[in-house]
C-alpha cells in the first residue's frame, strides 16, 4: 500500500515556463521622468525583443522632432528614452505602426 499524498509535486512549475520572455506581463509601459526645471524624459519599456529598438528610436526622433536613445536597464532590459513629454505621441505611433495594440499600452505619470 502506497501513500499518494507524499508524491513530489511543484504547483508553480507551469508558472516558471513563461519567465524567459522579456515582457513580463505583455504590457508596454510608457513613463515620464522629471529631469531639471521643465525638462522631462519619456521612457518606453516592454517592447518585444524581436524588434530593432534602434530603428524604432530613429523613426520616433524623426517623427516627433526630439532626441532619443536606447539604454540598457539592469531590471527592465532595453528601454527607449525620448526627450520631452512624448507620451501621447508614442502611444499613437505604436498603434499606427502596429507594434502594440491600444489595450497593451500602459501610460504612467502625472
N, C-alpha and C. Protein backbone atom coordinates (compact mmCIF):
# COMPACT_ATOMS: atom_id res chain seq x y z
N UNK A 1 0.85 -1.17 0.00
CA UNK A 1 0.00 0.00 0.00
C UNK A 1 0.90 1.24 0.00
N UNK A 2 0.65 2.16 -0.92
CA UNK A 2 1.46 3.38 -1.00
C UNK A 2 0.61 4.59 -0.67
N UNK A 3 1.27 5.55 -0.14
CA UNK A 3 0.58 6.78 0.23
C UNK A 3 0.73 7.76 -0.94
N UNK A 4 -0.35 8.16 -1.53
CA UNK A 4 -0.33 9.04 -2.69
C UNK A 4 -0.06 10.49 -2.32
N UNK A 5 -0.22 10.85 -1.09
CA UNK A 5 -0.09 12.23 -0.66
C UNK A 5 1.35 12.72 -0.64
N UNK A 6 2.33 11.81 -0.59
CA UNK A 6 3.71 12.22 -0.43
C UNK A 6 4.47 12.33 -1.76
N UNK A 7 3.79 12.26 -2.89
CA UNK A 7 4.46 12.46 -4.17
C UNK A 7 4.93 13.89 -4.31
N UNK A 8 6.08 14.06 -4.95
CA UNK A 8 6.58 15.42 -5.14
C UNK A 8 5.83 16.07 -6.28
N UNK A 9 5.29 17.22 -6.01
CA UNK A 9 4.52 17.96 -6.99
C UNK A 9 4.82 19.43 -6.80
N UNK A 10 5.23 20.10 -7.87
CA UNK A 10 5.53 21.53 -7.81
C UNK A 10 4.34 22.30 -8.37
N UNK A 11 3.56 22.99 -7.54
CA UNK A 11 2.38 23.69 -8.04
C UNK A 11 2.73 24.89 -8.92
N UNK A 12 3.99 25.39 -8.85
CA UNK A 12 4.37 26.55 -9.62
C UNK A 12 5.22 26.19 -10.84
N UNK A 13 5.25 24.93 -11.24
CA UNK A 13 6.09 24.51 -12.35
C UNK A 13 5.66 25.16 -13.66
N UNK A 14 4.34 25.27 -13.90
CA UNK A 14 3.89 25.86 -15.15
C UNK A 14 4.03 27.37 -15.14
N UNK A 15 4.10 28.00 -13.98
CA UNK A 15 4.25 29.45 -13.91
C UNK A 15 5.65 29.89 -14.30
N UNK A 16 6.64 29.05 -14.07
CA UNK A 16 8.02 29.44 -14.39
C UNK A 16 8.35 29.24 -15.86
N UNK A 17 7.47 28.61 -16.62
CA UNK A 17 7.75 28.39 -18.04
C UNK A 17 7.78 29.70 -18.82
N UNK A 18 6.92 30.63 -18.48
CA UNK A 18 6.84 31.89 -19.19
C UNK A 18 7.82 32.94 -18.71
N UNK A 19 8.74 32.57 -17.84
CA UNK A 19 9.65 33.56 -17.25
C UNK A 19 10.77 33.98 -18.20
N UNK A 20 10.94 33.27 -19.34
CA UNK A 20 12.04 33.63 -20.22
C UNK A 20 11.67 34.76 -21.19
N UNK A 21 10.43 35.21 -21.19
CA UNK A 21 10.04 36.33 -22.05
C UNK A 21 10.59 37.63 -21.50
N UNK A 22 10.92 38.58 -22.41
CA UNK A 22 11.39 39.88 -21.97
C UNK A 22 10.24 40.71 -21.41
N UNK A 23 9.06 40.56 -21.98
CA UNK A 23 7.90 41.31 -21.49
C UNK A 23 7.26 40.49 -20.39
N UNK A 24 7.29 41.02 -19.16
CA UNK A 24 6.83 40.22 -18.05
C UNK A 24 5.32 40.08 -18.01
N UNK A 25 4.57 41.09 -18.44
CA UNK A 25 3.12 40.99 -18.35
C UNK A 25 2.43 41.33 -19.67
N UNK A 26 3.15 41.41 -20.76
CA UNK A 26 2.55 41.68 -22.05
C UNK A 26 2.19 43.13 -22.28
N UNK A 27 2.54 44.01 -21.36
CA UNK A 27 2.21 45.43 -21.48
C UNK A 27 3.44 46.22 -21.91
N UNK A 28 3.19 47.33 -22.58
CA UNK A 28 4.23 48.30 -22.92
C UNK A 28 4.02 49.48 -21.99
N UNK A 29 4.99 49.72 -21.12
CA UNK A 29 4.88 50.79 -20.12
C UNK A 29 5.53 52.05 -20.66
N UNK A 30 4.76 53.14 -20.65
CA UNK A 30 5.24 54.45 -21.12
C UNK A 30 5.24 55.37 -19.91
N UNK A 31 6.42 55.82 -19.53
CA UNK A 31 6.56 56.63 -18.32
C UNK A 31 7.18 57.97 -18.65
N UNK A 32 6.96 58.92 -17.75
CA UNK A 32 7.60 60.22 -17.88
C UNK A 32 8.43 60.45 -16.62
N UNK A 33 9.64 60.99 -16.81
CA UNK A 33 10.53 61.27 -15.69
C UNK A 33 10.90 62.75 -15.73
N UNK A 34 10.85 63.38 -14.58
CA UNK A 34 11.23 64.78 -14.48
C UNK A 34 12.75 64.88 -14.40
N UNK A 35 13.34 65.75 -15.21
CA UNK A 35 14.78 65.98 -15.13
C UNK A 35 15.02 67.20 -14.26
N UNK A 36 15.37 68.32 -14.85
CA UNK A 36 15.56 69.54 -14.06
C UNK A 36 14.75 70.67 -14.70
N UNK A 37 14.11 71.43 -13.86
CA UNK A 37 13.27 72.52 -14.36
C UNK A 37 12.06 71.98 -15.09
N UNK A 38 11.89 72.40 -16.35
CA UNK A 38 10.76 71.95 -17.16
C UNK A 38 11.12 70.75 -18.03
N UNK A 39 12.34 70.26 -17.96
CA UNK A 39 12.80 69.19 -18.84
C UNK A 39 12.29 67.83 -18.37
N UNK A 40 11.84 67.01 -19.32
CA UNK A 40 11.32 65.69 -19.00
C UNK A 40 11.89 64.65 -19.96
N UNK A 41 11.82 63.40 -19.54
CA UNK A 41 12.18 62.25 -20.37
C UNK A 41 10.97 61.33 -20.46
N UNK A 42 10.75 60.76 -21.64
CA UNK A 42 9.73 59.74 -21.81
C UNK A 42 10.43 58.41 -22.02
N UNK A 43 10.08 57.40 -21.23
CA UNK A 43 10.69 56.08 -21.37
C UNK A 43 9.64 55.08 -21.80
N UNK A 44 10.03 54.17 -22.69
CA UNK A 44 9.15 53.13 -23.21
C UNK A 44 9.80 51.79 -22.87
N UNK A 45 9.14 50.99 -22.07
CA UNK A 45 9.68 49.73 -21.60
C UNK A 45 8.68 48.62 -21.87
N UNK A 46 9.17 47.48 -22.32
CA UNK A 46 8.30 46.32 -22.52
C UNK A 46 8.05 45.96 -23.97
N UNK A 47 8.72 46.64 -24.91
CA UNK A 47 8.57 46.24 -26.31
C UNK A 47 9.26 44.89 -26.51
N UNK A 48 8.77 44.13 -27.46
CA UNK A 48 9.31 42.79 -27.71
C UNK A 48 10.76 42.88 -28.18
N UNK A 49 11.55 41.89 -27.80
CA UNK A 49 12.98 41.91 -28.15
C UNK A 49 13.21 41.57 -29.61
N UNK A 50 12.16 41.13 -30.33
CA UNK A 50 12.35 40.81 -31.74
C UNK A 50 12.39 42.07 -32.62
N UNK A 51 11.99 43.22 -32.07
CA UNK A 51 12.06 44.47 -32.81
C UNK A 51 13.45 45.08 -32.65
N UNK A 52 13.90 45.77 -33.70
CA UNK A 52 15.16 46.51 -33.62
C UNK A 52 14.86 47.86 -33.00
N UNK A 53 15.24 48.02 -31.74
CA UNK A 53 14.87 49.23 -30.99
C UNK A 53 15.58 50.47 -31.51
N UNK A 54 16.78 50.32 -32.07
CA UNK A 54 17.49 51.47 -32.62
C UNK A 54 16.75 52.05 -33.82
N UNK A 55 16.13 51.20 -34.64
CA UNK A 55 15.35 51.69 -35.78
C UNK A 55 14.07 52.36 -35.31
N UNK A 56 13.48 51.85 -34.23
CA UNK A 56 12.27 52.47 -33.68
C UNK A 56 12.61 53.86 -33.15
N UNK A 57 13.75 53.98 -32.44
CA UNK A 57 14.16 55.29 -31.92
C UNK A 57 14.43 56.25 -33.06
N UNK A 58 15.08 55.77 -34.11
CA UNK A 58 15.39 56.64 -35.25
C UNK A 58 14.11 57.17 -35.89
N UNK A 59 13.09 56.31 -36.03
CA UNK A 59 11.82 56.74 -36.61
C UNK A 59 11.10 57.72 -35.69
N UNK A 60 11.15 57.46 -34.37
CA UNK A 60 10.48 58.36 -33.41
C UNK A 60 11.15 59.73 -33.38
N UNK A 61 12.49 59.75 -33.43
CA UNK A 61 13.21 61.02 -33.42
C UNK A 61 12.81 61.87 -34.62
N UNK A 62 12.67 61.22 -35.76
CA UNK A 62 12.31 61.96 -36.98
C UNK A 62 10.85 62.42 -36.92
N UNK A 63 9.98 61.57 -36.40
CA UNK A 63 8.54 61.87 -36.36
C UNK A 63 8.21 62.95 -35.33
N UNK A 64 8.83 62.89 -34.14
CA UNK A 64 8.47 63.79 -33.05
C UNK A 64 9.41 64.98 -32.92
N UNK A 65 10.46 65.05 -33.73
CA UNK A 65 11.45 66.14 -33.68
C UNK A 65 12.05 66.27 -32.28
N UNK A 66 12.53 65.13 -31.75
CA UNK A 66 13.17 65.13 -30.44
C UNK A 66 14.36 64.18 -30.50
N UNK A 67 15.19 64.22 -29.48
CA UNK A 67 16.32 63.30 -29.41
C UNK A 67 15.90 62.06 -28.63
N UNK A 68 16.61 60.96 -28.84
CA UNK A 68 16.28 59.73 -28.13
C UNK A 68 17.42 58.74 -28.20
N UNK A 69 17.34 57.72 -27.34
CA UNK A 69 18.37 56.69 -27.29
C UNK A 69 17.79 55.41 -26.72
N UNK A 70 18.55 54.32 -26.84
CA UNK A 70 18.22 53.05 -26.22
C UNK A 70 19.20 52.83 -25.09
N UNK A 71 18.69 52.63 -23.88
CA UNK A 71 19.57 52.37 -22.74
C UNK A 71 19.33 50.95 -22.25
N UNK A 72 20.35 50.39 -21.61
CA UNK A 72 20.25 49.06 -21.02
C UNK A 72 19.99 49.20 -19.53
N UNK A 73 18.79 48.82 -19.11
CA UNK A 73 18.41 48.92 -17.69
C UNK A 73 18.66 47.56 -17.05
N UNK A 74 19.24 47.53 -15.84
CA UNK A 74 19.55 46.23 -15.22
C UNK A 74 18.31 45.39 -14.91
N UNK A 75 17.18 46.04 -14.60
CA UNK A 75 15.98 45.28 -14.25
C UNK A 75 15.04 45.11 -15.43
N UNK A 76 14.88 46.15 -16.27
CA UNK A 76 13.87 46.14 -17.33
C UNK A 76 14.42 45.76 -18.69
N UNK A 77 15.72 45.60 -18.84
CA UNK A 77 16.29 45.29 -20.15
C UNK A 77 16.49 46.55 -20.96
N UNK A 78 16.27 46.46 -22.27
CA UNK A 78 16.46 47.63 -23.13
C UNK A 78 15.24 48.53 -23.05
N UNK A 79 15.49 49.82 -22.82
CA UNK A 79 14.43 50.81 -22.64
C UNK A 79 14.68 51.96 -23.61
N UNK A 80 13.61 52.44 -24.28
CA UNK A 80 13.72 53.61 -25.15
C UNK A 80 13.60 54.87 -24.29
N UNK A 81 14.44 55.85 -24.57
CA UNK A 81 14.34 57.15 -23.91
C UNK A 81 14.16 58.21 -24.97
N UNK A 82 13.15 59.06 -24.80
CA UNK A 82 12.90 60.17 -25.71
C UNK A 82 12.85 61.46 -24.89
N UNK A 83 13.37 62.53 -25.46
CA UNK A 83 13.35 63.81 -24.75
C UNK A 83 11.97 64.44 -24.86
N UNK A 84 11.54 65.04 -23.76
CA UNK A 84 10.26 65.74 -23.75
C UNK A 84 9.12 64.83 -23.35
N UNK A 85 7.94 65.40 -23.26
CA UNK A 85 6.73 64.65 -22.92
C UNK A 85 6.13 64.10 -24.21
N UNK A 86 6.49 62.89 -24.58
CA UNK A 86 6.04 62.28 -25.82
C UNK A 86 5.05 61.15 -25.57
N UNK A 87 4.38 61.16 -24.42
CA UNK A 87 3.51 60.02 -24.06
C UNK A 87 2.39 59.81 -25.06
N UNK A 88 1.66 60.86 -25.39
CA UNK A 88 0.54 60.71 -26.33
C UNK A 88 1.05 60.39 -27.74
N UNK A 89 2.15 61.05 -28.14
CA UNK A 89 2.70 60.80 -29.47
C UNK A 89 3.15 59.36 -29.63
N UNK A 90 3.84 58.81 -28.63
CA UNK A 90 4.36 57.45 -28.75
C UNK A 90 3.23 56.44 -28.70
N UNK A 91 2.17 56.71 -27.95
CA UNK A 91 1.01 55.81 -27.93
C UNK A 91 0.37 55.72 -29.31
N UNK A 92 0.14 56.88 -29.92
CA UNK A 92 -0.47 56.90 -31.25
C UNK A 92 0.44 56.26 -32.28
N UNK A 93 1.74 56.52 -32.18
CA UNK A 93 2.69 55.99 -33.17
C UNK A 93 2.82 54.48 -33.07
N UNK A 94 2.86 53.95 -31.84
CA UNK A 94 3.00 52.49 -31.67
C UNK A 94 1.78 51.75 -32.20
N UNK A 95 0.59 52.31 -32.00
CA UNK A 95 -0.61 51.65 -32.53
C UNK A 95 -0.69 51.80 -34.04
N UNK A 96 -0.29 52.96 -34.56
CA UNK A 96 -0.33 53.17 -36.01
C UNK A 96 0.67 52.27 -36.73
N UNK A 97 1.85 52.06 -36.12
CA UNK A 97 2.87 51.21 -36.73
C UNK A 97 2.59 49.73 -36.52
N UNK A 98 1.65 49.41 -35.65
CA UNK A 98 1.29 48.01 -35.41
C UNK A 98 2.24 47.29 -34.46
N UNK A 99 3.02 48.04 -33.70
CA UNK A 99 3.95 47.42 -32.75
C UNK A 99 3.26 47.01 -31.45
N UNK A 100 2.17 47.67 -31.12
CA UNK A 100 1.42 47.34 -29.90
C UNK A 100 -0.04 47.70 -30.10
N UNK A 101 -0.91 46.94 -29.47
CA UNK A 101 -2.34 47.23 -29.52
C UNK A 101 -2.67 48.26 -28.44
N UNK A 102 -3.75 49.01 -28.60
CA UNK A 102 -4.08 50.04 -27.60
C UNK A 102 -4.31 49.47 -26.20
N UNK A 103 -4.81 48.23 -26.09
CA UNK A 103 -5.03 47.68 -24.75
C UNK A 103 -3.74 47.16 -24.11
N UNK A 104 -2.64 47.11 -24.87
CA UNK A 104 -1.35 46.71 -24.31
C UNK A 104 -0.58 47.89 -23.75
N UNK A 105 -0.98 49.12 -24.09
CA UNK A 105 -0.24 50.30 -23.67
C UNK A 105 -0.69 50.74 -22.27
N UNK A 106 0.28 51.01 -21.42
CA UNK A 106 0.00 51.47 -20.05
C UNK A 106 0.79 52.75 -19.86
N UNK A 107 0.10 53.87 -19.71
CA UNK A 107 0.74 55.17 -19.58
C UNK A 107 0.80 55.55 -18.11
N UNK A 108 2.00 55.88 -17.64
CA UNK A 108 2.20 56.28 -16.26
C UNK A 108 2.61 57.76 -16.23
N UNK A 109 2.47 58.39 -15.10
CA UNK A 109 2.94 59.76 -14.96
C UNK A 109 1.82 60.70 -14.58
N UNK A 110 2.24 61.95 -14.36
CA UNK A 110 1.29 62.95 -13.90
C UNK A 110 0.42 63.34 -15.02
